[in-house]
Every structure is written in structure tokens, then in C-alpha cells.
């Protein structure tokens, strides 16, 4: 039988150290990118990937990193990458209602409205007062032509957050579809008042 030559003590120590050394920690810039709403989608993906690969985080913190990276992928329209990230985030924290909402957005953008609605419903079971999920559920009803149901959801989003400009704008579209022109015009005016920088 052939005997492998023995390694010097120094070499053995180096190998052992490399085997147990943690992955490089993310930089402060990468950490900030993962959480900053001002970061670009590419920066968000890069920052959150560095956090995930660092091996430093578990549980809720790691769930948030996957969720935020998924948002970056959503922004890049890479839904085949974002949906698994949201699923991973939910697996790490079953009460991550934002990950359900964000996964709903990915399915909505893929026009898989049943799947989108399931995720918004689950989000609202965990956090019934989450205004964005009510607005998004309204948009899903609107997309399939259920304008009255859509308006109910927009009403709820606005009840929770009276300064939710996007909900007013979306409600104006649904009201216009139903022939309520005065109501639609009033909602559009309110949306413009709340967010004058937007091109409604």
C-alpha cells in the first residue's frame, strides 16, 4: 500500500485554519446597500449577496437579507431569481409578511394573479394593517376586472394610510372603469397633491 507523504506541521496548520475560517464579512458599504432604499437594484443584490455569503447571519436577519435581495431581483425583472429568495426568506422566518407581499409582487408582474393573491392574503393574515398588501391586492383585483373588489381594497389601504398617494391613483383608475368620473378625478387630484413630483 502506498503511504502518502506526511505534511509539515506548518502546512497542516494552514490547511486547518483555511478549512474553519469563515467567509469574508461584507463591507459596511455592502451592508448599507442591502438595506438602503436609495441603492440601485444591482447594489442591493450585491450587498445582500455579500451578507448572505458571509455566513455571519441566521434567522430573522438572514431572512431579511434574502427578502431584500429578492426586491433587488424584482427591480431587475429577474423573477426566477427573486421568487426563490422570497421563499427562502419565508422559510427562515414564517412571519416575514413583507416577503409574502414581495413574492406576491413577483407573481403579479409575471401575471400569475392567483399566486399573487395567495401571497397577499398570507401577508395580511400575519399583518392585517399592512397598507401595501391591501393596495397590491386591489391592483390584482383590478387586473382581472373586479373593479368593485379593487376599490374595497384601495379603500382599506387609504383608511390605514390616508397619505398613500399610489392607492388614491389606483383607486382613480378603478373608479373610472366603473364610470365614476367625479370620484376618479377627485382621487387623481389627491394623488397629485400628495406626490406632486410624480407624473400621474
Protein backbone atom coordinates (compact mmCIF):
# COMPACT_ATOMS: atom_id res chain seq x y z
CA UNK A 1 0.00 0.00 0.00
CA UNK A 2 1.27 3.45 -0.90
CA UNK A 3 1.74 5.82 2.01
CA UNK A 4 1.03 9.49 1.38
CA UNK A 5 4.00 11.66 2.34
CA UNK A 6 3.45 13.46 5.62
CA UNK A 7 2.84 17.20 5.60
CA UNK A 8 4.93 19.53 7.67
CA UNK A 9 3.34 20.86 10.83
CA UNK A 10 3.16 24.41 9.43
CA UNK A 11 1.35 23.25 6.31
CA UNK A 12 -1.14 21.25 8.37
CA UNK A 13 -1.93 24.31 10.49
CA UNK A 14 -2.51 26.46 7.41
CA UNK A 15 -4.87 23.88 5.92
CA UNK A 16 -6.84 23.55 9.14
CA UNK A 17 -7.13 27.29 9.51
CA UNK A 18 -8.43 27.70 5.96
CA UNK A 19 -10.94 24.91 6.49
CA UNK A 20 -12.53 26.52 9.53
CA UNK A 21 -12.16 30.21 8.59
CA UNK A 22 -15.49 31.94 8.00
CA UNK A 23 -16.28 33.54 4.68
CA UNK A 24 -15.19 37.14 4.33
CA UNK A 25 -17.56 39.52 6.06
CA UNK A 26 -19.43 42.01 3.96
CA UNK A 27 -18.15 45.59 3.94
CA UNK A 28 -20.09 48.39 5.59
CA UNK A 29 -20.93 49.68 2.11
CA UNK A 30 -22.36 46.30 1.10
CA UNK A 31 -24.37 46.08 4.32
CA UNK A 32 -25.76 49.56 3.69
CA UNK A 33 -26.64 48.68 0.10
CA UNK A 34 -28.67 45.69 1.26
CA UNK A 35 -30.91 47.92 3.39
CA UNK A 36 -30.88 51.31 1.67
CA UNK A 37 -33.97 52.33 -0.33
CA UNK A 38 -31.65 54.62 -2.29
CA UNK A 39 -29.38 51.80 -3.51
CA UNK A 40 -29.71 50.66 -7.11
CA UNK A 41 -31.09 47.20 -7.77
CA UNK A 42 -27.59 45.97 -8.67
CA UNK A 43 -26.17 47.44 -5.45
CA UNK A 44 -28.95 45.85 -3.41
CA UNK A 45 -28.27 42.44 -4.94
CA UNK A 46 -24.52 42.81 -4.42
CA UNK A 47 -24.84 43.99 -0.83
CA UNK A 48 -27.35 41.33 0.22
CA UNK A 49 -25.38 38.60 -1.53
CA UNK A 50 -22.30 39.62 0.46
CA UNK A 51 -24.31 39.42 3.68
CA UNK A 52 -25.76 36.01 2.79
CA UNK A 53 -22.39 34.58 1.78
CA UNK A 54 -20.60 35.95 4.85
CA UNK A 55 -22.05 33.18 7.00
CA UNK A 56 -22.49 35.67 9.86
CA UNK A 57 -26.27 35.85 9.87
CA UNK A 58 -29.09 33.48 10.81
CA UNK A 59 -32.80 33.62 11.48
CA UNK A 60 -34.61 36.93 11.05
CA UNK A 61 -31.51 38.83 9.91
CA UNK A 62 -30.72 36.29 7.21
CA UNK A 63 -34.40 36.22 6.23
CA UNK A 64 -34.30 39.99 5.73
CA UNK A 65 -31.17 39.73 3.58
CA UNK A 66 -32.86 37.19 1.28
CA UNK A 67 -36.02 39.31 1.18
CA UNK A 68 -34.10 42.48 0.30
CA UNK A 69 -32.07 40.69 -2.36
CA UNK A 70 -35.32 39.42 -3.82
CA UNK A 71 -36.55 43.02 -4.03
CA UNK A 72 -33.41 43.86 -5.99
CA UNK A 73 -34.05 40.97 -8.37
CA UNK A 74 -37.67 42.11 -8.71
CA UNK A 75 -36.44 45.53 -9.73
CA UNK A 76 -34.29 43.88 -12.40
CA UNK A 77 -37.31 41.83 -13.54
CA UNK A 78 -35.43 38.63 -12.68
CA UNK A 79 -38.40 36.89 -11.12
CA UNK A 80 -36.92 33.41 -11.49
CA UNK A 81 -34.26 34.60 -9.02
CA UNK A 82 -36.44 36.73 -6.76
CA UNK A 83 -39.13 34.14 -6.04
CA UNK A 84 -36.68 31.57 -4.60
CA UNK A 85 -35.15 34.32 -2.45
CA UNK A 86 -38.54 35.28 -1.03
CA UNK A 87 -39.31 31.61 -0.43
CA UNK A 88 -36.01 31.22 1.40
CA UNK A 89 -36.79 34.34 3.46
CA UNK A 90 -40.16 32.88 4.46
CA UNK A 91 -38.54 29.55 5.33
CA UNK A 92 -36.19 31.35 7.71
CA UNK A 93 -38.94 33.49 9.23
CA UNK A 94 -42.51 32.32 8.68
CA UNK A 95 -43.82 35.69 9.91
CA UNK A 96 -41.91 37.74 7.36
CA UNK A 97 -45.04 39.35 5.97
CA UNK A 98 -43.04 41.65 3.70
CA UNK A 99 -41.52 38.63 1.95
CA UNK A 100 -45.03 37.31 1.24
CA UNK A 101 -46.00 40.72 -0.14
CA UNK A 102 -42.85 40.93 -2.26
CA UNK A 103 -43.29 37.41 -3.57
CA UNK A 104 -46.84 38.41 -4.46
CA UNK A 105 -45.40 41.32 -6.45
CA UNK A 106 -43.15 38.96 -8.39
CA UNK A 107 -46.08 36.73 -9.30
CA UNK A 108 -48.18 39.80 -10.14
CA UNK A 109 -45.51 41.04 -12.53
CA UNK A 110 -45.49 37.60 -14.16
CA UNK A 111 -49.29 37.92 -14.49
CA UNK A 112 -49.78 34.88 -12.25
CA UNK A 113 -52.61 36.60 -10.41
CA UNK A 114 -53.85 33.61 -8.42
CA UNK A 115 -50.39 33.09 -6.95
CA UNK A 116 -50.04 36.81 -6.32
CA UNK A 117 -53.35 36.88 -4.42
CA UNK A 118 -52.38 33.88 -2.30
CA UNK A 119 -49.25 35.68 -1.17
CA UNK A 120 -51.02 38.95 -0.43
CA UNK A 121 -53.64 37.03 1.55
CA UNK A 122 -50.93 35.32 3.59
CA UNK A 123 -49.21 38.64 4.19
CA UNK A 124 -52.43 40.13 5.54
CA UNK A 125 -53.11 37.14 7.77
CA UNK A 126 -49.83 37.98 9.52
CA UNK A 127 -50.13 41.77 9.33
CA UNK A 128 -53.74 42.84 8.66
CA UNK A 129 -52.87 46.55 8.74
CA UNK A 130 -50.15 46.38 6.07
CA UNK A 131 -51.35 49.07 3.67
CA UNK A 132 -49.13 47.99 0.76
CA UNK A 133 -50.62 44.49 0.67
CA UNK A 134 -54.16 45.91 0.59
CA UNK A 135 -53.17 48.20 -2.27
CA UNK A 136 -51.46 45.33 -4.11
CA UNK A 137 -54.45 43.06 -3.60
CA UNK A 138 -56.58 45.85 -5.05
CA UNK A 139 -54.31 46.01 -8.09
CA UNK A 140 -54.70 42.27 -8.56
CA UNK A 141 -58.49 42.52 -8.47
CA UNK A 142 -58.25 45.41 -10.94
CA UNK A 143 -56.03 43.37 -13.26
CA UNK A 144 -58.69 40.65 -13.55
CA UNK A 145 -61.56 43.13 -13.99
CA UNK A 146 -63.04 43.01 -10.47
CA UNK A 147 -63.20 46.76 -10.04
CA UNK A 148 -65.59 46.85 -7.08
CA UNK A 149 -63.37 44.45 -5.13
CA UNK A 150 -60.36 46.52 -6.12
CA UNK A 151 -61.96 49.69 -4.77
CA UNK A 152 -62.69 47.96 -1.46
CA UNK A 153 -59.02 47.12 -1.09
CA UNK A 154 -57.90 50.62 -2.05
CA UNK A 155 -60.37 52.00 0.49
CA UNK A 156 -58.77 49.87 3.19
CA UNK A 157 -55.25 50.89 2.19
CA UNK A 158 -56.28 54.56 2.37
CA UNK A 159 -58.05 54.05 5.70
CA UNK A 160 -54.83 52.65 7.13
CA UNK A 161 -52.63 55.24 5.44
CA UNK A 162 -54.53 58.38 4.39
CA UNK A 163 -51.41 59.74 2.66
CA UNK A 164 -50.93 56.73 0.37
CA UNK A 165 -50.72 58.51 -2.98
CA UNK A 166 -50.44 55.35 -5.09
CA UNK A 167 -53.61 53.94 -3.55
CA UNK A 168 -55.53 57.10 -4.48
CA UNK A 169 -54.18 56.92 -8.02
CA UNK A 170 -55.04 53.25 -8.43
CA UNK A 171 -58.50 53.82 -6.97
CA UNK A 172 -59.00 56.58 -9.54
CA UNK A 173 -58.39 54.03 -12.31
CA UNK A 174 -60.89 51.57 -10.87
CA UNK A 175 -63.49 54.29 -10.32
CA UNK A 176 -63.04 55.49 -13.89
CA UNK A 177 -63.60 51.93 -15.15
CA UNK A 178 -66.87 51.85 -13.22
CA UNK A 179 -67.95 55.17 -14.70
CA UNK A 180 -67.47 57.21 -11.51
CA UNK A 181 -65.72 60.11 -13.22
CA UNK A 182 -66.10 62.66 -10.37
CA UNK A 183 -64.71 60.13 -7.88
CA UNK A 184 -61.87 59.24 -10.24
CA UNK A 185 -60.97 62.89 -10.77
CA UNK A 186 -61.02 63.57 -7.03
CA UNK A 187 -58.70 60.61 -6.37
CA UNK A 188 -56.33 61.70 -9.13
CA UNK A 189 -56.20 65.22 -7.71
CA UNK A 190 -55.45 63.82 -4.24
CA UNK A 191 -52.67 61.62 -5.59
CA UNK A 192 -51.10 64.62 -7.32
CA UNK A 193 -51.40 66.69 -4.16
CA UNK A 194 -49.67 64.02 -2.07
CA UNK A 195 -46.94 63.26 -4.60
CA UNK A 196 -46.56 66.28 -6.91
CA UNK A 197 -43.23 65.05 -8.29
CA UNK A 198 -44.89 62.02 -9.88
CA UNK A 199 -46.12 62.05 -13.47
CA UNK A 200 -49.60 60.62 -12.86
